[in-house]
């Protein structure tokens, strides 16, 4: 919800019709769709697909997340799976228009569980879990930043690499653009909570450790 009471919603929906059987034997192609509630008129906009248009076969898109700032600008991220490999894709919303989906990482390892935050100036921070390479047994934590002034995503950065797996990262941002990243990481069989700050000027802060076994 933005500062004017408008509500932006993402959801997963089959791109091809499904009425008890696959259409013409083809794929159902789950993809990412969007609708917006306009507070002034009290109406919802017709749903539109914002996910990639070239999915085929067993490809799919899911785990969509959206962050909205008071001005009504938004950033969406989701997992897009092609040939069984998940990648992280993002799109931005401003002036009632979505940009085309853009890949924000190019690691050949499957990525999953993206989350995103946005600040008052339109800068955004995305996080996700992904192996560094094929030799790794567990997922590590990655983040990438969108800079509104430059209009582009920066290269992914590793915020945690460990022999214990990173799971379900979350991210939030304050009005200065500082991000707080939190995640669950198995430690001696217990999924304890970890967190750190990230600022564009100074990078990552010191990792903080908290007791507990889930971030929900």
Protein backbone atom coordinates (compact mmCIF):
# COMPACT_ATOMS: atom_id res chain seq x y z
CA UNK A 1 0.00 0.00 0.00
CA UNK A 2 1.31 3.46 -0.90
CA UNK A 3 0.86 6.77 0.93
CA UNK A 4 -2.44 7.48 -0.84
CA UNK A 5 -4.11 4.21 0.07
CA UNK A 6 -3.62 2.53 -3.30
CA UNK A 7 -2.88 -1.21 -3.03
CA UNK A 8 -0.57 -3.14 -5.36
CA UNK A 9 -0.92 -6.92 -5.50
CA UNK A 10 1.13 -9.63 -7.22
CA UNK A 11 -0.06 -13.20 -7.68
CA UNK A 12 0.83 -16.37 -9.52
CA UNK A 13 -1.60 -17.54 -12.20
CA UNK A 14 -1.53 -20.07 -15.00
CA UNK A 15 -0.89 -18.22 -18.25
CA UNK A 16 -2.63 -20.91 -20.29
CA UNK A 17 -6.23 -21.83 -19.53
CA UNK A 18 -6.78 -24.97 -17.54
CA UNK A 19 -10.19 -26.62 -17.51
CA UNK A 20 -9.57 -30.11 -16.20
CA UNK A 21 -6.96 -30.91 -18.85
CA UNK A 22 -3.99 -29.17 -20.37
CA UNK A 23 -4.93 -26.86 -23.28
CA UNK A 24 -4.17 -28.72 -26.49
CA UNK A 25 -1.72 -30.86 -24.54
CA UNK A 26 0.43 -27.79 -23.82
CA UNK A 27 1.94 -26.43 -20.59
CA UNK A 28 0.00 -24.39 -18.03
CA UNK A 29 2.93 -21.94 -17.59
CA UNK A 30 2.48 -20.38 -14.13
CA UNK A 31 3.47 -16.71 -14.34
CA UNK A 32 3.36 -13.45 -12.36
CA UNK A 33 0.32 -11.17 -12.61
CA UNK A 34 -0.55 -7.77 -11.14
CA UNK A 35 -3.59 -5.77 -10.13
CA UNK A 36 -3.94 -2.39 -8.42
CA UNK A 37 -6.65 -0.99 -6.18
CA UNK A 38 -7.20 2.75 -6.77
CA UNK A 39 -8.32 4.39 -3.55
CA UNK A 40 -9.81 7.40 -5.33
CA UNK A 41 -12.25 5.33 -7.40
CA UNK A 42 -12.56 2.31 -5.11
CA UNK A 43 -11.91 -0.07 -8.02
CA UNK A 44 -9.42 -2.78 -8.96
CA UNK A 45 -7.59 -2.65 -12.28
CA UNK A 46 -7.87 -5.60 -14.70
CA UNK A 47 -5.11 -8.17 -13.96
CA UNK A 48 -2.09 -7.96 -16.26
CA UNK A 49 0.85 -10.31 -16.66
CA UNK A 50 4.17 -8.71 -15.71
CA UNK A 51 6.24 -11.90 -15.88
CA UNK A 52 8.36 -12.88 -18.89
CA UNK A 53 6.42 -13.60 -22.07
CA UNK A 54 8.71 -16.33 -23.42
CA UNK A 55 8.22 -19.08 -20.84
CA UNK A 56 7.62 -22.48 -22.42
CA UNK A 57 7.45 -26.18 -21.63
CA UNK A 58 7.98 -26.76 -17.91
CA UNK A 59 9.10 -23.16 -17.25
CA UNK A 60 7.36 -21.26 -14.47
CA UNK A 61 7.49 -18.20 -12.26
CA UNK A 62 6.66 -17.97 -8.56
CA UNK A 63 7.50 -16.67 -5.07
CA UNK A 64 6.62 -13.13 -6.16
CA UNK A 65 7.30 -10.29 -3.73
CA UNK A 66 6.55 -6.57 -4.04
CA UNK A 67 7.67 -3.47 -2.11
CA UNK A 68 5.88 -0.11 -2.43
CA UNK A 69 6.99 3.32 -1.21
CA UNK A 70 4.75 6.25 -0.15
CA UNK A 71 4.94 7.82 -3.63
CA UNK A 72 3.43 4.73 -5.22
CA UNK A 73 6.61 3.48 -6.87
CA UNK A 74 7.22 -0.25 -6.50
CA UNK A 75 9.73 -2.99 -7.14
CA UNK A 76 8.81 -6.64 -7.66
CA UNK A 77 11.03 -9.71 -7.57
CA UNK A 78 10.28 -13.36 -8.25
CA UNK A 79 11.85 -16.70 -9.04
CA UNK A 80 11.73 -17.63 -12.71
CA UNK A 81 12.48 -21.28 -13.48
CA UNK A 82 13.76 -22.31 -16.89
CA UNK A 83 14.98 -25.85 -17.58
CA UNK A 84 14.68 -26.57 -13.82
CA UNK A 85 17.11 -23.73 -12.86
CA UNK A 86 15.61 -20.88 -10.84
CA UNK A 87 16.81 -17.32 -11.44
CA UNK A 88 15.90 -14.02 -9.78
CA UNK A 89 13.98 -11.54 -11.92
CA UNK A 90 12.85 -8.00 -11.11
CA UNK A 91 10.56 -5.33 -12.54
CA UNK A 92 9.80 -1.75 -11.45
CA UNK A 93 6.49 0.13 -11.32
CA UNK A 94 6.12 3.90 -11.72
CA UNK A 95 3.59 6.20 -13.40
CA UNK A 96 1.21 3.23 -13.63
CA UNK A 97 3.64 1.34 -15.85
CA UNK A 98 5.81 -1.76 -15.31
CA UNK A 99 9.25 -2.14 -16.83
CA UNK A 100 10.06 -5.35 -18.65
CA UNK A 101 11.34 -8.16 -16.39
CA UNK A 102 15.12 -8.10 -15.92
CA UNK A 103 17.45 -10.80 -14.64
CA UNK A 104 19.40 -9.47 -11.64
CA UNK A 105 21.80 -12.41 -11.25
CA UNK A 106 23.53 -14.72 -13.72
CA UNK A 107 24.78 -17.53 -11.49
CA UNK A 108 24.12 -20.92 -13.09
CA UNK A 109 23.12 -22.35 -9.70
CA UNK A 110 19.39 -22.42 -8.80
CA UNK A 111 18.23 -19.34 -6.88
CA UNK A 112 15.15 -19.14 -4.64
CA UNK A 113 13.25 -17.23 -1.92
CA UNK A 114 13.71 -13.67 -3.22
CA UNK A 115 12.57 -10.73 -1.08
CA UNK A 116 12.74 -6.99 -1.76
CA UNK A 117 12.47 -3.61 -0.02
CA UNK A 118 12.25 -0.04 -1.34
CA UNK A 119 13.04 3.34 0.22
CA UNK A 120 11.35 6.73 -0.17
CA UNK A 121 13.68 7.67 -3.04
CA UNK A 122 12.99 4.55 -5.08
CA UNK A 123 16.22 2.71 -4.28
CA UNK A 124 15.63 -1.01 -3.71
CA UNK A 125 17.42 -3.94 -2.10
CA UNK A 126 16.78 -7.56 -3.09
CA UNK A 127 17.96 -10.70 -1.30
CA UNK A 128 17.82 -14.40 -2.13
CA UNK A 129 19.45 -17.78 -1.41
CA UNK A 130 21.74 -19.53 -3.92
CA UNK A 131 24.80 -21.76 -4.05
CA UNK A 132 28.03 -20.06 -5.00
CA UNK A 133 28.92 -22.85 -7.42
CA UNK A 134 28.31 -26.53 -8.04
CA UNK A 135 30.87 -27.60 -5.44
CA UNK A 136 28.86 -26.15 -2.56
CA UNK A 137 26.58 -28.34 -0.44
CA UNK A 138 24.45 -25.46 0.89
CA UNK A 139 22.91 -22.18 -0.22
CA UNK A 140 24.58 -18.89 0.63
CA UNK A 141 22.98 -15.45 0.90
CA UNK A 142 23.06 -12.89 -1.91
CA UNK A 143 21.86 -9.31 -2.27
CA UNK A 144 21.66 -6.78 -5.11
CA UNK A 145 20.78 -3.08 -5.00
CA UNK A 146 18.78 -0.95 -7.43
CA UNK A 147 19.90 2.68 -7.53
CA UNK A 148 17.13 5.03 -8.60
CA UNK A 149 19.53 7.77 -9.73
CA UNK A 150 21.35 5.40 -12.05
CA UNK A 151 18.26 3.38 -13.00
CA UNK A 152 20.06 0.04 -12.78
CA UNK A 153 20.77 -2.96 -10.57
CA UNK A 154 24.24 -3.46 -9.20
CA UNK A 155 26.09 -6.76 -9.33
CA UNK A 156 25.00 -9.40 -6.77
CA UNK A 157 27.01 -9.42 -3.54
CA UNK A 158 27.54 -12.32 -1.19
CA UNK A 159 26.40 -11.37 2.31
CA UNK A 160 26.94 -14.77 3.92
CA UNK A 161 28.90 -17.85 2.94
CA UNK A 162 29.06 -20.71 5.40
CA UNK A 163 29.27 -24.46 5.68
CA UNK A 164 25.76 -24.18 7.16
CA UNK A 165 22.91 -23.36 4.78
CA UNK A 166 21.33 -19.90 4.53
CA UNK A 167 17.53 -20.01 4.38
CA UNK A 168 14.63 -17.57 3.91
CA UNK A 169 16.43 -14.19 3.85
CA UNK A 170 14.39 -11.04 4.51
CA UNK A 171 15.20 -7.38 3.90
CA UNK A 172 13.94 -3.95 4.97
CA UNK A 173 15.05 -0.37 4.23
CA UNK A 174 14.83 2.92 6.10
CA UNK A 175 14.40 6.42 4.64
CA UNK A 176 18.17 6.90 4.33
CA UNK A 177 18.51 3.87 2.06
CA UNK A 178 20.16 1.69 4.68
CA UNK A 179 19.09 -1.96 4.43
CA UNK A 180 18.72 -4.56 7.17
CA UNK A 181 19.08 -8.18 6.04
CA UNK A 182 18.01 -11.07 8.27
CA UNK A 183 18.08 -14.80 7.62
CA UNK A 184 17.87 -18.22 9.17
CA UNK A 185 21.03 -20.30 9.20
CA UNK A 186 21.37 -23.79 10.58
CA UNK A 187 23.84 -24.05 13.44
CA UNK A 188 24.38 -27.44 15.09
CA UNK A 189 20.95 -28.53 13.92
CA UNK A 190 19.15 -25.35 15.03
CA UNK A 191 18.04 -22.65 12.61
CA UNK A 192 19.29 -19.60 14.51
CA UNK A 193 18.73 -16.02 13.31
CA UNK A 194 21.40 -13.76 11.85
CA UNK A 195 21.28 -10.16 10.62
CA UNK A 196 23.43 -7.35 9.27
CA UNK A 197 23.15 -3.81 7.94
CA UNK A 198 24.13 -2.68 4.46
CA UNK A 199 24.79 0.91 3.38
CA UNK A 200 25.91 2.02 -0.10
CA UNK A 201 28.76 4.09 1.33
CA UNK A 202 30.30 1.56 3.70
CA UNK A 203 28.94 -1.81 2.58
CA UNK A 204 28.15 -4.59 5.03
CA UNK A 205 28.26 -4.19 8.79
CA UNK A 206 29.07 -6.86 11.34
CA UNK A 207 26.84 -9.93 11.39
CA UNK A 208 24.65 -10.12 14.50
CA UNK A 209 23.50 -13.42 15.95
CA UNK A 210 20.23 -13.99 17.80
CA UNK A 211 18.78 -16.94 19.65
CA UNK A 212 15.76 -18.67 18.15
CA UNK A 213 15.06 -21.19 15.45
CA UNK A 214 12.91 -19.49 12.83
CA UNK A 215 12.18 -16.10 11.23
CA UNK A 216 8.65 -17.15 10.30
